[in-house]
């Protein structure tokens, strides 16, 4: 009886599975399809030379920004023919954008390349991304500068320095909190922050309008070094990173080749970037003193 009972149980189970396979198979297939889709490589389009991104397909649409050579962005495969060109639909930091395929190379890309393609350009120093240092989201999406910045402003953050990545990341978070909560700004004000650990930290990045130098935020970028440099200059690691950022911006068409370098004090009532640091940058290329109101 035990053997017969077990046989009946097995037969009943087999019948149950057989009867339900018609319901289980579609579910299993759907799960498999989702799994496969999740492992597919994302597709990027990379500029083969400097290339305008527009807010619609065709040269009559406004330019959003300009891609540097070899800069890559994700695309969804959507194409339209307008005029003499075929236009590919791209994702520019969550914004819809279009570019002519004549100057694009399509290739696979991973998530890391997508998030840093507009940041870690050829020749740049190490740039720690917002995600890596734990940035808060801006209150509103950033607006981009209408043209290449023609000014580079040198700032210091004042306060204490930092010499390792963990400490510098905390300082950048402190700056962001102060700018957003203390000043009520949309986000951290600078474009980049540099620590004496030798890293650059993404603030608003290359293209976004900042909140750093009144009257010059739409046509200038700001690079701020963490610390107070009233009586001493930043260390060699930080200074080299600032210089490399400027050179990287020039090489990748993120800064105008006719740019003017200034200290924050040149155009405002502030001691920034500190007297010692300000005296040093006067020997750097493209420096032009302003009509600063700060008296030393």
C-alpha atoms as a PDB file:
ATOM      1  CA  UNK A   1       0.000   0.000   0.000  1.00  0.00           C
ATOM      2  CA  UNK A   2       2.854   2.346   0.768  1.00  0.00           C
ATOM      3  CA  UNK A   3       4.416   1.759  -2.657  1.00  0.00           C
ATOM      4  CA  UNK A   4       1.106   2.188  -4.419  1.00  0.00           C
ATOM      5  CA  UNK A   5       0.388   5.340  -2.451  1.00  0.00           C
ATOM      6  CA  UNK A   6       3.770   6.822  -3.338  1.00  0.00           C
ATOM      7  CA  UNK A   7       3.198   5.965  -7.002  1.00  0.00           C
ATOM      8  CA  UNK A   8      -0.156   7.672  -6.929  1.00  0.00           C
ATOM      9  CA  UNK A   9       1.385  10.740  -5.310  1.00  0.00           C
ATOM     10  CA  UNK A  10       4.108  10.937  -7.973  1.00  0.00           C
ATOM     11  CA  UNK A  11       1.563  10.455 -10.738  1.00  0.00           C
ATOM     12  CA  UNK A  12      -0.603  13.191  -9.272  1.00  0.00           C
ATOM     13  CA  UNK A  13       2.382  15.567  -9.019  1.00  0.00           C
ATOM     14  CA  UNK A  14       3.438  14.860 -12.616  1.00  0.00           C
ATOM     15  CA  UNK A  15      -0.053  15.548 -13.841  1.00  0.00           C
ATOM     16  CA  UNK A  16      -0.175  18.758 -11.838  1.00  0.00           C
ATOM     17  CA  UNK A  17       3.093  19.992 -13.348  1.00  0.00           C
ATOM     18  CA  UNK A  18       2.005  18.961 -16.837  1.00  0.00           C
ATOM     19  CA  UNK A  19      -1.315  20.774 -16.528  1.00  0.00           C
ATOM     20  CA  UNK A  20       0.338  23.946 -15.298  1.00  0.00           C
ATOM     21  CA  UNK A  21       3.251  24.072 -17.734  1.00  0.00           C
ATOM     22  CA  UNK A  22       1.135  26.011 -20.213  1.00  0.00           C
ATOM     23  CA  UNK A  23       0.919  28.745 -17.563  1.00  0.00           C
ATOM     24  CA  UNK A  24       4.476  28.441 -16.280  1.00  0.00           C
ATOM     25  CA  UNK A  25       6.255  28.497 -19.632  1.00  0.00           C
ATOM     26  CA  UNK A  26       5.233  32.045 -20.641  1.00  0.00           C
ATOM     27  CA  UNK A  27       6.290  33.329 -17.228  1.00  0.00           C
ATOM     28  CA  UNK A  28       9.648  31.560 -17.405  1.00  0.00           C
ATOM     29  CA  UNK A  29      10.243  32.831 -20.930  1.00  0.00           C
ATOM     30  CA  UNK A  30       9.445  36.393 -19.892  1.00  0.00           C
ATOM     31  CA  UNK A  31      11.818  36.176 -16.944  1.00  0.00           C
ATOM     32  CA  UNK A  32      14.545  34.808 -19.201  1.00  0.00           C
ATOM     33  CA  UNK A  33      13.995  37.621 -21.706  1.00  0.00           C
ATOM     34  CA  UNK A  34      14.280  40.249 -18.977  1.00  0.00           C
ATOM     35  CA  UNK A  35      17.461  38.604 -17.713  1.00  0.00           C
ATOM     36  CA  UNK A  36      19.010  38.559 -21.178  1.00  0.00           C
ATOM     37  CA  UNK A  37      17.974  42.143 -21.836  1.00  0.00           C
ATOM     38  CA  UNK A  38      19.606  43.239 -18.590  1.00  0.00           C
ATOM     39  CA  UNK A  39      22.922  41.740 -19.671  1.00  0.00           C
ATOM     40  CA  UNK A  40      22.938  43.296 -23.136  1.00  0.00           C
ATOM     41  CA  UNK A  41      25.649  45.881 -23.681  1.00  0.00           C
ATOM     42  CA  UNK A  42      24.363  49.436 -23.927  1.00  0.00           C
ATOM     43  CA  UNK A  43      24.964  51.338 -27.135  1.00  0.00           C
ATOM     44  CA  UNK A  44      26.906  54.582 -27.282  1.00  0.00           C
ATOM     45  CA  UNK A  45      27.627  57.019 -30.086  1.00  0.00           C
ATOM     46  CA  UNK A  46      31.048  58.672 -29.995  1.00  0.00           C
ATOM     47  CA  UNK A  47      31.976  61.870 -31.818  1.00  0.00           C
ATOM     48  CA  UNK A  48      34.785  61.411 -34.341  1.00  0.00           C
ATOM     49  CA  UNK A  49      35.521  65.135 -34.119  1.00  0.00           C
ATOM     50  CA  UNK A  50      34.045  68.185 -32.400  1.00  0.00           C
ATOM     51  CA  UNK A  51      30.282  67.951 -32.961  1.00  0.00           C
ATOM     52  CA  UNK A  52      27.211  70.023 -32.053  1.00  0.00           C
ATOM     53  CA  UNK A  53      24.354  68.425 -30.123  1.00  0.00           C
ATOM     54  CA  UNK A  54      20.970  69.933 -30.995  1.00  0.00           C
ATOM     55  CA  UNK A  55      17.558  69.816 -29.352  1.00  0.00           C
ATOM     56  CA  UNK A  56      15.993  68.402 -32.509  1.00  0.00           C
ATOM     57  CA  UNK A  57      17.002  66.677 -35.753  1.00  0.00           C
ATOM     58  CA  UNK A  58      18.284  69.281 -38.207  1.00  0.00           C
ATOM     59  CA  UNK A  59      20.561  72.304 -38.293  1.00  0.00           C
ATOM     60  CA  UNK A  60      17.654  74.675 -37.645  1.00  0.00           C
ATOM     61  CA  UNK A  61      17.407  73.430 -34.058  1.00  0.00           C
ATOM     62  CA  UNK A  62      19.291  75.056 -31.185  1.00  0.00           C
ATOM     63  CA  UNK A  63      22.704  73.789 -30.093  1.00  0.00           C
ATOM     64  CA  UNK A  64      22.598  72.285 -26.594  1.00  0.00           C
ATOM     65  CA  UNK A  65      26.328  71.713 -26.248  1.00  0.00           C
ATOM     66  CA  UNK A  66      29.334  70.619 -28.278  1.00  0.00           C
ATOM     67  CA  UNK A  67      30.805  67.148 -27.951  1.00  0.00           C
ATOM     68  CA  UNK A  68      34.563  66.832 -27.868  1.00  0.00           C
ATOM     69  CA  UNK A  69      36.285  64.373 -30.179  1.00  0.00           C
ATOM     70  CA  UNK A  70      35.918  60.804 -28.812  1.00  0.00           C
ATOM     71  CA  UNK A  71      33.250  61.898 -26.325  1.00  0.00           C
ATOM     72  CA  UNK A  72      30.494  59.283 -26.085  1.00  0.00           C
ATOM     73  CA  UNK A  73      26.819  59.367 -25.127  1.00  0.00           C
ATOM     74  CA  UNK A  74      24.181  56.614 -24.969  1.00  0.00           C
ATOM     75  CA  UNK A  75      21.640  56.398 -27.792  1.00  0.00           C
ATOM     76  CA  UNK A  76      18.342  54.570 -28.316  1.00  0.00           C
ATOM     77  CA  UNK A  77      18.706  53.834 -32.042  1.00  0.00           C
ATOM     78  CA  UNK A  78      16.046  56.328 -33.128  1.00  0.00           C
ATOM     79  CA  UNK A  79      17.015  58.090 -36.374  1.00  0.00           C
ATOM     80  CA  UNK A  80      15.513  60.785 -38.578  1.00  0.00           C
ATOM     81  CA  UNK A  81      16.579  62.172 -41.939  1.00  0.00           C
ATOM     82  CA  UNK A  82      16.558  65.958 -42.131  1.00  0.00           C
ATOM     83  CA  UNK A  83      18.237  67.944 -44.881  1.00  0.00           C
ATOM     84  CA  UNK A  84      21.419  66.253 -46.060  1.00  0.00           C
ATOM     85  CA  UNK A  85      22.017  64.302 -42.843  1.00  0.00           C
ATOM     86  CA  UNK A  86      20.720  61.389 -40.838  1.00  0.00           C
ATOM     87  CA  UNK A  87      20.299  62.351 -37.180  1.00  0.00           C
ATOM     88  CA  UNK A  88      20.664  59.998 -34.218  1.00  0.00           C
ATOM     89  CA  UNK A  89      18.767  60.487 -30.951  1.00  0.00           C
ATOM     90  CA  UNK A  90      21.113  60.667 -27.931  1.00  0.00           C
ATOM     91  CA  UNK A  91      20.748  60.924 -24.172  1.00  0.00           C
ATOM     92  CA  UNK A  92      22.647  63.956 -22.882  1.00  0.00           C
ATOM     93  CA  UNK A  93      22.484  63.741 -19.075  1.00  0.00           C
ATOM     94  CA  UNK A  94      18.797  62.834 -19.286  1.00  0.00           C
ATOM     95  CA  UNK A  95      18.062  65.467 -21.933  1.00  0.00           C
ATOM     96  CA  UNK A  96      16.909  64.608 -25.447  1.00  0.00           C
ATOM     97  CA  UNK A  97      19.578  65.485 -28.022  1.00  0.00           C
ATOM     98  CA  UNK A  98      20.338  64.869 -31.697  1.00  0.00           C
ATOM     99  CA  UNK A  99      23.560  64.692 -33.705  1.00  0.00           C
ATOM    100  CA  UNK A 100      24.433  64.013 -37.341  1.00  0.00           C
ATOM    101  CA  UNK A 101      25.618  60.438 -37.887  1.00  0.00           C
ATOM    102  CA  UNK A 102      28.307  61.548 -40.369  1.00  0.00           C
ATOM    103  CA  UNK A 103      30.521  62.378 -37.382  1.00  0.00           C
ATOM    104  CA  UNK A 104      29.466  59.600 -35.012  1.00  0.00           C
ATOM    105  CA  UNK A 105      30.880  56.141 -34.359  1.00  0.00           C
ATOM    106  CA  UNK A 106      28.456  53.677 -32.750  1.00  0.00           C
ATOM    107  CA  UNK A 107      29.882  51.172 -30.273  1.00  0.00           C
ATOM    108  CA  UNK A 108      29.002  49.325 -27.086  1.00  0.00           C
ATOM    109  CA  UNK A 109      29.530  51.082 -23.802  1.00  0.00           C
ATOM    110  CA  UNK A 110      29.051  50.242 -20.142  1.00  0.00           C
ATOM    111  CA  UNK A 111      27.238  52.260 -17.496  1.00  0.00           C
ATOM    112  CA  UNK A 112      30.456  53.743 -16.127  1.00  0.00           C
ATOM    113  CA  UNK A 113      31.435  55.129 -19.522  1.00  0.00           C
ATOM    114  CA  UNK A 114      27.969  56.610 -19.945  1.00  0.00           C
ATOM    115  CA  UNK A 115      28.053  58.484 -16.673  1.00  0.00           C
ATOM    116  CA  UNK A 116      31.559  59.818 -17.119  1.00  0.00           C
ATOM    117  CA  UNK A 117      31.748  60.308 -20.892  1.00  0.00           C
ATOM    118  CA  UNK A 118      31.083  64.024 -20.571  1.00  0.00           C
ATOM    119  CA  UNK A 119      33.511  64.349 -17.672  1.00  0.00           C
ATOM    120  CA  UNK A 120      36.616  62.161 -17.855  1.00  0.00           C
ATOM    121  CA  UNK A 121      37.861  63.424 -21.203  1.00  0.00           C
ATOM    122  CA  UNK A 122      41.205  62.674 -22.819  1.00  0.00           C
ATOM    123  CA  UNK A 123      44.096  64.239 -20.925  1.00  0.00           C
ATOM    124  CA  UNK A 124      42.090  64.972 -17.780  1.00  0.00           C
ATOM    125  CA  UNK A 125      43.391  64.235 -14.302  1.00  0.00           C
ATOM    126  CA  UNK A 126      41.410  61.771 -12.209  1.00  0.00           C
ATOM    127  CA  UNK A 127      37.943  63.276 -11.706  1.00  0.00           C
ATOM    128  CA  UNK A 128      35.880  61.809  -8.878  1.00  0.00           C
ATOM    129  CA  UNK A 129      32.264  61.828 -10.054  1.00  0.00           C
ATOM    130  CA  UNK A 130      29.321  63.201  -8.120  1.00  0.00           C
ATOM    131  CA  UNK A 131      28.066  59.663  -7.576  1.00  0.00           C
ATOM    132  CA  UNK A 132      31.441  58.623  -6.177  1.00  0.00           C
ATOM    133  CA  UNK A 133      31.678  61.451  -3.629  1.00  0.00           C
ATOM    134  CA  UNK A 134      28.017  61.149  -2.644  1.00  0.00           C
ATOM    135  CA  UNK A 135      26.518  64.336  -4.060  1.00  0.00           C
ATOM    136  CA  UNK A 136      22.950  65.363  -3.382  1.00  0.00           C
ATOM    137  CA  UNK A 137      20.768  65.854  -6.433  1.00  0.00           C
ATOM    138  CA  UNK A 138      20.411  69.502  -7.499  1.00  0.00           C
ATOM    139  CA  UNK A 139      17.117  71.146  -6.620  1.00  0.00           C
ATOM    140  CA  UNK A 140      16.470  71.738 -10.324  1.00  0.00           C
ATOM    141  CA  UNK A 141      18.246  70.374 -13.431  1.00  0.00           C
ATOM    142  CA  UNK A 142      21.334  72.342 -14.403  1.00  0.00           C
ATOM    143  CA  UNK A 143      21.225  74.741 -17.339  1.00  0.00           C
ATOM    144  CA  UNK A 144      24.173  74.698 -19.718  1.00  0.00           C
ATOM    145  CA  UNK A 145      26.352  77.630 -20.708  1.00  0.00           C
ATOM    146  CA  UNK A 146      25.323  78.998 -24.110  1.00  0.00           C
ATOM    147  CA  UNK A 147      28.889  79.038 -25.481  1.00  0.00           C
ATOM    148  CA  UNK A 148      32.381  77.900 -24.571  1.00  0.00           C
ATOM    149  CA  UNK A 149      33.501  79.599 -21.350  1.00  0.00           C
ATOM    150  CA  UNK A 150      35.941  82.440 -21.948  1.00  0.00           C
ATOM    151  CA  UNK A 151      36.940  82.808 -18.291  1.00  0.00           C
ATOM    152  CA  UNK A 152      38.563  80.441 -15.821  1.00  0.00           C
ATOM    153  CA  UNK A 153      38.198  81.611 -12.224  1.00  0.00           C
ATOM    154  CA  UNK A 154      40.449  80.326  -9.463  1.00  0.00           C
ATOM    155  CA  UNK A 155      38.864  79.981  -6.022  1.00  0.00           C
ATOM    156  CA  UNK A 156      39.711  78.531  -2.657  1.00  0.00           C
ATOM    157  CA  UNK A 157      37.167  77.074  -0.294  1.00  0.00           C
ATOM    158  CA  UNK A 158      38.731  78.573   2.850  1.00  0.00           C
ATOM    159  CA  UNK A 159      38.728  76.470   5.995  1.00  0.00           C
ATOM    160  CA  UNK A 160      40.863  73.391   6.495  1.00  0.00           C
ATOM    161  CA  UNK A 161      42.693  71.369   3.857  1.00  0.00           C
ATOM    162  CA  UNK A 162      42.383  67.667   3.029  1.00  0.00           C
ATOM    163  CA  UNK A 163      45.074  65.233   1.939  1.00  0.00           C
ATOM    164  CA  UNK A 164      43.286  61.936   1.279  1.00  0.00           C
ATOM    165  CA  UNK A 165      40.241  61.053  -0.770  1.00  0.00           C
ATOM    166  CA  UNK A 166      37.961  60.197   2.148  1.00  0.00           C
ATOM    167  CA  UNK A 167      38.598  63.535   3.848  1.00  0.00           C
ATOM    168  CA  UNK A 168      38.311  65.460   0.572  1.00  0.00           C
ATOM    169  CA  UNK A 169      35.015  63.816  -0.336  1.00  0.00           C
ATOM    170  CA  UNK A 170      33.628  64.917   3.030  1.00  0.00           C
ATOM    171  CA  UNK A 171      34.823  68.480   2.400  1.00  0.00           C
ATOM    172  CA  UNK A 172      33.097  68.540  -1.003  1.00  0.00           C
ATOM    173  CA  UNK A 173      29.872  67.318   0.622  1.00  0.00           C
ATOM    174  CA  UNK A 174      30.269  70.069   3.224  1.00  0.00           C
ATOM    175  CA  UNK A 175      30.668  72.666   0.470  1.00  0.00           C
ATOM    176  CA  UNK A 176      27.555  71.401  -1.275  1.00  0.00           C
ATOM    177  CA  UNK A 177      25.504  71.445   1.916  1.00  0.00           C
ATOM    178  CA  UNK A 178      26.663  74.977   2.702  1.00  0.00           C
ATOM    179  CA  UNK A 179      25.876  76.249  -0.790  1.00  0.00           C
ATOM    180  CA  UNK A 180      22.460  74.570  -0.964  1.00  0.00           C
ATOM    181  CA  UNK A 181      21.308  75.016   2.630  1.00  0.00           C
ATOM    182  CA  UNK A 182      23.267  78.078   3.728  1.00  0.00           C
ATOM    183  CA  UNK A 183      22.971  80.120   0.529  1.00  0.00           C
ATOM    184  CA  UNK A 184      19.842  78.455  -0.832  1.00  0.00           C
ATOM    185  CA  UNK A 185      21.535  77.713  -4.146  1.00  0.00           C
ATOM    186  CA  UNK A 186      20.467  75.018  -6.563  1.00  0.00           C
ATOM    187  CA  UNK A 187      23.637  72.960  -6.049  1.00  0.00           C
ATOM    188  CA  UNK A 188      27.302  73.272  -5.167  1.00  0.00           C
ATOM    189  CA  UNK A 189      28.450  76.421  -6.930  1.00  0.00           C
ATOM    190  CA  UNK A 190      31.781  75.439  -8.509  1.00  0.00           C
ATOM    191  CA  UNK A 191      32.408  73.492 -11.686  1.00  0.00           C
ATOM    192  CA  UNK A 192      35.248  71.500 -10.120  1.00  0.00           C
ATOM    193  CA  UNK A 193      36.810  71.179  -6.682  1.00  0.00           C
ATOM    194  CA  UNK A 194      40.418  70.056  -6.210  1.00  0.00           C
ATOM    195  CA  UNK A 195      41.925  68.499  -3.101  1.00  0.00           C
ATOM    196  CA  UNK A 196      45.514  68.268  -1.973  1.00  0.00           C
ATOM    197  CA  UNK A 197      45.112  64.529  -2.477  1.00  0.00           C
ATOM    198  CA  UNK A 198      45.619  65.347  -6.165  1.00  0.00           C
ATOM    199  CA  UNK A 199      42.078  64.472  -7.247  1.00  0.00           C
ATOM    200  CA  UNK A 200      39.578  66.697  -8.994  1.00  0.00           C
ATOM    201  CA  UNK A 201      35.972  66.396  -7.838  1.00  0.00           C
ATOM    202  CA  UNK A 202      33.044  66.924 -10.172  1.00  0.00           C
ATOM    203  CA  UNK A 203      30.814  69.738  -8.929  1.00  0.00           C
ATOM    204  CA  UNK A 204      28.670  71.058 -11.803  1.00  0.00           C
ATOM    205  CA  UNK A 205      31.059  69.733 -14.437  1.00  0.00           C
ATOM    206  CA  UNK A 206      32.233  71.179 -17.726  1.00  0.00           C
ATOM    207  CA  UNK A 207      29.060  72.510 -19.295  1.00  0.00           C
ATOM    208  CA  UNK A 208      26.681  73.638 -16.552  1.00  0.00           C
ATOM    209  CA  UNK A 209      26.183  77.235 -15.463  1.00  0.00           C
ATOM    210  CA  UNK A 210      27.636  77.591 -11.981  1.00  0.00           C
ATOM    211  CA  UNK A 211      27.054  79.856  -8.996  1.00  0.00           C
ATOM    212  CA  UNK A 212      30.590  80.960  -8.243  1.00  0.00           C
ATOM    213  CA  UNK A 213      31.454  84.383  -9.672  1.00  0.00           C
ATOM    214  CA  UNK A 214      28.698  86.980  -9.888  1.00  0.00           C
ATOM    215  CA  UNK A 215      28.293  88.316 -13.402  1.00  0.00           C
ATOM    216  CA  UNK A 216      30.425  85.562 -14.965  1.00  0.00           C
ATOM    217  CA  UNK A 217      28.573  82.321 -14.266  1.00  0.00           C
ATOM    218  CA  UNK A 218      27.253  81.934 -17.808  1.00  0.00           C
ATOM    219  CA  UNK A 219      30.618  82.387 -19.529  1.00  0.00           C
ATOM    220  CA  UNK A 220      33.169  81.147 -17.011  1.00  0.00           C
ATOM    221  CA  UNK A 221      34.075  78.037 -15.058  1.00  0.00           C
ATOM    222  CA  UNK A 222      35.362  77.932 -11.499  1.00  0.00           C
ATOM    223  CA  UNK A 223      37.994  75.604 -10.074  1.00  0.00           C
ATOM    224  CA  UNK A 224      38.215  75.750  -6.291  1.00  0.00           C
ATOM    225  CA  UNK A 225      40.975  74.199  -4.196  1.00  0.00           C
ATOM    226  CA  UNK A 226      39.954  72.919  -0.769  1.00  0.00           C
ATOM    227  CA  UNK A 227      41.605  74.932   2.004  1.00  0.00           C
ATOM    228  CA  UNK A 228      42.696  78.440   2.968  1.00  0.00           C
ATOM    229  CA  UNK A 229      45.585  79.792   0.906  1.00  0.00           C
ATOM    230  CA  UNK A 230      45.974  83.236   2.360  1.00  0.00           C
ATOM    231  CA  UNK A 231      49.457  82.520   3.672  1.00  0.00           C
ATOM    232  CA  UNK A 232      50.584  79.487   1.697  1.00  0.00           C
ATOM    233  CA  UNK A 233      49.974  77.992  -1.731  1.00  0.00           C
ATOM    234  CA  UNK A 234      48.311  74.630  -2.410  1.00  0.00           C
ATOM    235  CA  UNK A 235      50.655  71.660  -2.588  1.00  0.00           C
ATOM    236  CA  UNK A 236      52.150  70.453  -5.860  1.00  0.00           C
ATOM    237  CA  UNK A 237      49.565  67.694  -6.314  1.00  0.00           C
ATOM    238  CA  UNK A 238      46.680  70.170  -6.193  1.00  0.00           C
ATOM    239  CA  UNK A 239      48.394  72.763  -8.389  1.00  0.00           C
ATOM    240  CA  UNK A 240      49.217  70.161 -11.038  1.00  0.00           C
ATOM    241  CA  UNK A 241      45.601  68.983 -11.057  1.00  0.00           C
ATOM    242  CA  UNK A 242      44.274  72.529 -11.528  1.00  0.00           C
ATOM    243  CA  UNK A 243      46.652  73.065 -14.456  1.00  0.00           C
ATOM    244  CA  UNK A 244      45.744  69.692 -15.979  1.00  0.00           C
ATOM    245  CA  UNK A 245      42.036  70.489 -15.743  1.00  0.00           C
ATOM    246  CA  UNK A 246      42.564  73.707 -17.674  1.00  0.00           C
ATOM    247  CA  UNK A 247      44.666  71.953 -20.324  1.00  0.00           C
ATOM    248  CA  UNK A 248      42.119  69.144 -20.577  1.00  0.00           C
ATOM    249  CA  UNK A 249      39.330  71.685 -21.076  1.00  0.00           C
ATOM    250  CA  UNK A 250      41.304  73.386 -23.830  1.00  0.00           C
ATOM    251  CA  UNK A 251      42.183  70.142 -25.610  1.00  0.00           C
ATOM    252  CA  UNK A 252      38.582  68.907 -25.547  1.00  0.00           C
ATOM    253  CA  UNK A 253      36.887  72.177 -26.527  1.00  0.00           C
ATOM    254  CA  UNK A 254      35.374  72.782 -23.100  1.00  0.00           C
ATOM    255  CA  UNK A 255      37.239  76.078 -22.611  1.00  0.00           C
ATOM    256  CA  UNK A 256      37.845  78.743 -25.247  1.00  0.00           C
ATOM    257  CA  UNK A 257      41.453  78.916 -26.433  1.00  0.00           C
ATOM    258  CA  UNK A 258      41.269  82.672 -25.925  1.00  0.00           C
ATOM    259  CA  UNK A 259      40.228  82.280 -22.281  1.00  0.00           C
ATOM    260  CA  UNK A 260      41.215  84.719 -19.545  1.00  0.00           C
ATOM    261  CA  UNK A 261      42.414  83.430 -16.178  1.00  0.00           C
ATOM    262  CA  UNK A 262      41.403  85.388 -13.091  1.00  0.00           C
ATOM    263  CA  UNK A 263      41.236  85.044  -9.357  1.00  0.00           C
ATOM    264  CA  UNK A 264      37.825  85.420  -7.756  1.00  0.00           C
ATOM    265  CA  UNK A 265      38.972  88.653  -6.072  1.00  0.00           C
ATOM    266  CA  UNK A 266      39.567  90.243  -9.478  1.00  0.00           C
ATOM    267  CA  UNK A 267      35.834  90.685  -9.970  1.00  0.00           C
ATOM    268  CA  UNK A 268      34.356  90.746  -6.482  1.00  0.00           C
ATOM    269  CA  UNK A 269      34.663  91.919  -2.893  1.00  0.00           C
ATOM    270  CA  UNK A 270      36.453  88.845  -1.591  1.00  0.00           C
ATOM    271  CA  UNK A 271      39.903  87.682  -0.522  1.00  0.00           C
ATOM    272  CA  UNK A 272      39.428  84.496  -2.565  1.00  0.00           C
ATOM    273  CA  UNK A 273      41.539  82.589  -3.615  1.00  0.00           C
ATOM    274  CA  UNK A 274      43.813  83.761  -0.799  1.00  0.00           C
ATOM    275  CA  UNK A 275      46.732  86.159  -1.188  1.00  0.00           C
ATOM    276  CA  UNK A 276      49.478  83.533  -1.494  1.00  0.00           C
ATOM    277  CA  UNK A 277      47.584  81.547  -4.122  1.00  0.00           C
ATOM    278  CA  UNK A 278      46.527  84.695  -5.977  1.00  0.00           C
ATOM    279  CA  UNK A 279      50.122  85.890  -6.173  1.00  0.00           C
ATOM    280  CA  UNK A 280      51.111  82.539  -7.660  1.00  0.00           C
ATOM    281  CA  UNK A 281      48.477  82.383 -10.419  1.00  0.00           C
ATOM    282  CA  UNK A 282      49.578  85.778 -11.724  1.00  0.00           C
ATOM    283  CA  UNK A 283      52.495  83.922 -13.337  1.00  0.00           C
ATOM    284  CA  UNK A 284      50.210  81.402 -15.089  1.00  0.00           C
ATOM    285  CA  UNK A 285      49.320  81.633 -18.803  1.00  0.00           C
ATOM    286  CA  UNK A 286      46.353  83.835 -19.751  1.00  0.00           C
ATOM    287  CA  UNK A 287      46.213  85.597 -16.381  1.00  0.00           C
ATOM    288  CA  UNK A 288      44.791  89.114 -16.575  1.00  0.00           C
ATOM    289  CA  UNK A 289      44.171  91.058 -13.387  1.00  0.00           C
ATOM    290  CA  UNK A 290      40.717  92.530 -13.044  1.00  0.00           C
ATOM    291  CA  UNK A 291      39.223  95.524 -11.345  1.00  0.00           C
ATOM    292  CA  UNK A 292      38.856  93.688  -8.066  1.00  0.00           C
ATOM    293  CA  UNK A 293      37.448  95.623  -5.154  1.00  0.00           C
ATOM    294  CA  UNK A 294      39.379  93.724  -2.496  1.00  0.00           C
ATOM    295  CA  UNK A 295      42.276  95.720  -1.081  1.00  0.00           C
ATOM    296  CA  UNK A 296      45.347  94.032   0.425  1.00  0.00           C
END
